[in-house]
Amino acid sequence: MNQAKSRLITCAQAKREILSNLLRPGQCDEVAAVYEVLAGGIAQAETIRVPHLRLNTCGMWHQCHKHAEKEFYPPSQFEALLTEALDSADPEKIVQVYMQVMWVNAYPDATAGQSSQGVRVEDEMERFQCKQCGNCCLGLQDAYDTIVLPADIERWREQGRGDILAYVDQRSGLNRAWIHPRTGDVLQSCPWLKKQETTQKYECSIHATKPKHCADYPHTKRHAFNTGCSGFKA
């Protein structure tokens, strides 16, 4: 069995990770659950009709206490609400919410020499095993329409990988990949993904020198589940 590993992040980093996961479309129920922990009272997601827009929208009702009036917040106000609540929370509360949102164990950590308390996270990434299903390369647009880092470009130059560089548009300085070398069009699939005929599994033909963007996938356990990765499943 792999030994559990941990990483130390600041409370500010923990807040950013919490927000990045909560501020995705369709997260009203989870936003309400988290806001209730942070702000107290009662929070509940609900879909309401917006007559002048002729559409339904999911938002959140919040009641500070049972005698207070309920107030409705649309998704456009979620970021400001959550940011204010997180900024007012103590480290223990941030850890509680981090575990709730990121689906991992975490605890406050006051490391010697730090001026502020951090968060020790057991992110379970040691459990991740790529199943070579191809989901990330086939189903996620940023697998084939993305920006590669200058460090990737420099490494490929040093390795003499003109075949890879031919698929990167460096003219704008953005290093956009993957671009058809002849037409200049953005490809609709990764040119380096190959399917093994015998096992029906996928493999990356530039695995040893793939872009950091790809090598770092998935960033977290929650990221894996959000994007349909089966690497944490038995």
Protein backbone atom coordinates (compact mmCIF):
# COMPACT_ATOMS: atom_id res chain seq x y z
CA MET A 1 0.00 0.00 0.00
CA ASN A 2 1.31 3.47 -0.88
CA GLN A 3 2.15 5.64 2.12
CA ALA A 4 -0.03 8.71 2.49
CA LYS A 5 1.78 11.88 1.51
CA SER A 6 0.97 15.44 2.44
CA ARG A 7 1.72 18.93 1.26
CA LEU A 8 1.68 22.23 3.09
CA ILE A 9 -0.25 25.14 1.61
CA THR A 10 -1.08 28.57 2.96
CA CYS A 11 -4.59 29.52 4.01
CA ALA A 12 -4.68 31.85 1.00
CA GLN A 13 -3.92 28.93 -1.33
CA ALA A 14 -6.60 26.84 0.37
CA LYS A 15 -9.14 29.63 -0.18
CA ARG A 16 -8.24 29.87 -3.87
CA GLU A 17 -8.67 26.11 -4.35
CA ILE A 18 -12.02 26.21 -2.55
CA LEU A 19 -13.26 29.07 -4.73
CA SER A 20 -12.04 27.54 -7.98
CA ASN A 21 -14.08 24.42 -7.29
CA LEU A 22 -17.22 26.12 -5.98
CA LEU A 23 -17.50 28.76 -8.71
CA ARG A 24 -18.14 26.24 -11.46
CA PRO A 25 -21.56 26.06 -13.16
CA GLY A 26 -24.18 23.97 -11.41
CA GLN A 27 -22.65 24.18 -7.92
CA CYS A 28 -25.55 25.92 -6.13
CA ASP A 29 -26.21 23.07 -3.70
CA GLU A 30 -22.57 22.86 -2.67
CA VAL A 31 -22.22 26.64 -2.43
CA ALA A 32 -25.21 26.70 -0.06
CA ALA A 33 -23.77 23.90 2.09
CA VAL A 34 -20.39 25.63 2.36
CA TYR A 35 -21.87 29.08 2.99
CA GLU A 36 -23.95 27.66 5.82
CA VAL A 37 -20.75 26.38 7.47
CA LEU A 38 -18.94 29.68 6.97
CA ALA A 39 -21.68 32.19 7.74
CA GLY A 40 -23.97 30.19 10.01
CA GLY A 41 -27.74 30.31 9.81
CA ILE A 42 -29.57 28.37 7.12
CA ALA A 43 -28.60 28.34 3.43
CA GLN A 44 -30.52 26.52 0.72
CA ALA A 45 -30.19 26.33 -3.04
CA GLU A 46 -33.33 26.93 -5.07
CA THR A 47 -34.25 27.43 -8.71
CA ILE A 48 -36.41 30.49 -9.30
CA ARG A 49 -38.05 32.06 -12.32
CA VAL A 50 -36.68 35.39 -13.57
CA PRO A 51 -39.68 36.89 -15.44
CA HIS A 52 -37.91 39.70 -17.29
CA LEU A 53 -35.29 37.27 -18.60
CA ARG A 54 -37.82 34.48 -19.23
CA LEU A 55 -35.57 31.85 -17.73
CA ASN A 56 -34.97 29.84 -14.58
CA THR A 57 -31.89 30.41 -12.49
CA CYS A 58 -30.46 28.55 -9.53
CA GLY A 59 -29.45 30.69 -6.60
CA MET A 60 -29.20 30.53 -2.83
CA TRP A 61 -31.45 31.64 0.00
CA HIS A 62 -29.76 32.54 3.28
CA GLN A 63 -31.35 33.19 6.64
CA CYS A 64 -29.04 34.42 9.42
CA HIS A 65 -31.33 33.03 12.14
CA LYS A 66 -34.85 31.69 12.33
CA HIS A 67 -36.38 35.12 13.04
CA ALA A 68 -34.51 36.92 10.26
CA GLU A 69 -35.81 37.49 6.77
CA LYS A 70 -34.46 35.23 4.03
CA GLU A 71 -32.33 36.85 1.36
CA PHE A 72 -31.82 35.47 -2.14
CA TYR A 73 -28.42 35.56 -3.87
CA PRO A 74 -27.96 34.80 -7.59
CA PRO A 75 -24.80 33.00 -8.83
CA SER A 76 -23.32 36.35 -9.88
CA GLN A 77 -22.91 37.20 -6.18
CA PHE A 78 -21.44 33.87 -5.07
CA GLU A 79 -17.80 34.87 -5.51
CA ALA A 80 -18.12 38.01 -3.40
CA LEU A 81 -20.13 36.21 -0.71
CA LEU A 82 -17.75 33.27 -0.44
CA THR A 83 -14.64 35.45 -0.56
CA GLU A 84 -15.89 37.63 2.28
CA ALA A 85 -16.90 34.60 4.35
CA LEU A 86 -13.56 32.84 3.76
CA ASP A 87 -11.60 35.99 4.62
CA SER A 88 -13.48 36.17 7.93
CA ALA A 89 -12.96 32.49 8.77
CA ASP A 90 -10.31 31.21 11.16
CA PRO A 91 -7.82 28.51 10.01
CA GLU A 92 -9.86 25.70 11.61
CA LYS A 93 -12.96 26.71 9.67
CA ILE A 94 -10.98 26.99 6.45
CA VAL A 95 -9.65 23.48 7.00
CA GLN A 96 -13.18 22.19 7.63
CA VAL A 97 -14.44 23.72 4.38
CA TYR A 98 -11.36 22.59 2.45
CA MET A 99 -12.01 18.96 3.43
CA GLN A 100 -15.68 19.34 2.51
CA VAL A 101 -14.95 20.77 -0.93
CA MET A 102 -11.77 18.94 -1.92
CA TRP A 103 -12.71 15.48 -0.53
CA VAL A 104 -9.41 15.00 1.30
CA ASN A 105 -8.08 15.04 4.83
CA ALA A 106 -6.51 18.28 6.04
CA TYR A 107 -5.53 19.93 9.30
CA PRO A 108 -4.04 23.21 10.53
CA ASP A 109 -0.25 23.28 10.51
CA ALA A 110 1.82 25.96 12.19
CA THR A 111 5.25 25.19 10.74
CA ALA A 112 8.24 26.67 12.53
CA GLY A 113 9.37 29.90 10.94
CA GLN A 114 5.99 30.70 9.41
CA SER A 115 4.31 33.95 10.37
CA SER A 116 0.86 32.50 9.76
CA GLN A 117 -0.77 29.12 10.08
CA GLY A 118 -0.92 26.88 7.04
CA VAL A 119 -2.96 23.86 6.00
CA ARG A 120 -1.48 20.38 5.83
CA VAL A 121 -3.26 18.44 3.07
CA GLU A 122 -3.27 14.69 2.50
CA ASP A 123 -4.24 14.97 -1.17
CA GLU A 124 -4.14 11.19 -1.88
CA MET A 125 -2.32 11.74 -5.17
CA GLU A 126 -0.15 8.71 -4.36
CA ARG A 127 -3.30 6.62 -5.00
CA PHE A 128 -3.68 7.92 -8.54
CA GLN A 129 -3.07 5.34 -11.27
CA CYS A 130 -3.60 6.24 -14.91
CA LYS A 131 -5.96 3.73 -16.52
CA GLN A 132 -4.95 4.80 -20.07
CA CYS A 133 -8.62 5.32 -20.89
CA GLY A 134 -7.86 8.42 -22.97
CA ASN A 135 -10.63 10.43 -21.34
CA CYS A 136 -8.47 13.44 -20.51
CA CYS A 137 -6.88 13.62 -23.96
CA LEU A 138 -10.09 12.91 -25.88
CA GLY A 139 -12.72 14.61 -23.75
CA LEU A 140 -11.05 17.74 -22.36
CA GLN A 141 -10.64 20.59 -24.81
CA ASP A 142 -7.54 21.95 -23.11
CA ALA A 143 -5.76 18.69 -23.93
CA TYR A 144 -5.53 19.74 -27.57
CA ASP A 145 -6.28 23.50 -27.48
CA THR A 146 -4.00 24.94 -24.83
CA ILE A 147 -0.95 27.06 -24.09
CA VAL A 148 2.39 25.36 -23.41
CA LEU A 149 5.00 26.87 -21.12
CA PRO A 150 8.24 28.52 -22.26
CA ALA A 151 10.05 25.76 -20.33
CA ASP A 152 8.36 23.17 -22.57
CA ILE A 153 9.47 25.04 -25.68
CA GLU A 154 13.05 25.32 -24.42
CA ARG A 155 13.17 21.61 -23.51
CA TRP A 156 11.93 20.56 -26.93
CA ARG A 157 14.51 22.79 -28.62
CA GLU A 158 17.28 21.26 -26.53
CA GLN A 159 16.00 17.77 -27.35
CA GLY A 160 15.82 18.56 -31.06
CA ARG A 161 12.08 17.84 -31.10
CA GLY A 162 11.18 19.83 -34.18
CA ASP A 163 8.34 17.38 -34.74
CA ILE A 164 6.63 18.64 -31.58
CA LEU A 165 7.48 22.31 -32.14
CA ALA A 166 5.88 22.11 -35.60
CA TYR A 167 2.50 21.79 -33.83
CA VAL A 168 3.00 24.89 -31.66
CA ASP A 169 2.12 28.39 -32.87
CA GLN A 170 4.87 30.60 -31.45
CA ARG A 171 4.18 33.64 -33.61
CA SER A 172 1.99 35.45 -31.08
CA GLY A 173 4.26 34.57 -28.17
CA LEU A 174 1.50 32.55 -26.55
CA ASN A 175 2.82 29.12 -27.61
CA ARG A 176 -0.60 27.79 -28.56
CA ALA A 177 -0.91 24.05 -29.13
CA TRP A 178 -1.84 21.97 -30.98
CA ILE A 179 -1.86 23.65 -34.41
CA HIS A 180 -1.84 21.87 -37.78
CA PRO A 181 1.61 22.55 -39.26
CA ARG A 182 0.30 23.18 -42.77
CA THR A 183 -3.13 24.79 -42.32
CA GLY A 184 -2.56 26.62 -39.04
CA ASP A 185 -5.91 25.36 -37.76
CA VAL A 186 -6.40 24.26 -34.16
CA LEU A 187 -6.59 20.47 -34.09
CA GLN A 188 -9.70 18.80 -32.67
CA SER A 189 -7.73 16.02 -31.01
CA CYS A 190 -4.26 15.52 -29.59
CA PRO A 191 -1.84 14.45 -32.36
CA TRP A 192 0.28 12.46 -29.90
CA LEU A 193 -2.44 10.17 -28.55
CA LYS A 194 -2.25 6.63 -29.94
CA LYS A 195 -4.54 3.66 -29.33
CA GLN A 196 -2.94 0.28 -28.76
CA GLU A 197 -4.58 -2.31 -31.00
CA THR A 198 -3.95 -5.25 -28.68
CA THR A 199 -5.17 -3.73 -25.40
CA GLN A 200 -7.45 -0.96 -26.71
CA LYS A 201 -5.73 1.36 -24.25
CA TYR A 202 -4.33 4.76 -25.11
CA GLU A 203 -0.76 5.95 -24.79
CA CYS A 204 1.00 9.27 -25.27
CA SER A 205 3.71 9.02 -27.92
CA ILE A 206 5.61 11.92 -26.31
CA HIS A 207 4.99 10.81 -22.72
CA ALA A 208 8.60 11.34 -21.58
CA THR A 209 8.55 14.99 -22.67
CA LYS A 210 4.85 15.87 -22.68
CA PRO A 211 3.84 19.47 -21.77
CA LYS A 212 3.79 20.24 -18.06
CA HIS A 213 0.09 21.06 -18.48
CA CYS A 214 -0.49 17.40 -19.35
CA ALA A 215 2.05 15.91 -16.96
CA ASP A 216 0.40 17.67 -14.00
CA TYR A 217 -3.06 16.23 -14.74
CA PRO A 218 -5.03 15.71 -12.57
CA HIS A 219 -4.11 18.52 -10.21
CA THR A 220 -6.16 17.14 -7.31
CA LYS A 221 -8.46 14.25 -6.45
CA ARG A 222 -11.44 16.57 -6.87
CA HIS A 223 -10.11 17.70 -10.26
CA ALA A 224 -9.96 14.07 -11.37
CA PHE A 225 -13.58 13.41 -10.43
CA ASN A 226 -14.79 16.71 -11.91
CA THR A 227 -13.25 15.85 -15.28
CA GLY A 228 -14.30 12.19 -15.46
CA CYS A 229 -10.88 10.68 -14.66
CA SER A 230 -11.04 7.13 -13.33
CA GLY A 231 -7.52 7.13 -11.89
CA PHE A 232 -8.72 7.01 -8.28
CA LYS A 233 -11.13 4.13 -8.84
CA ALA A 234 -10.12 0.60 -7.89
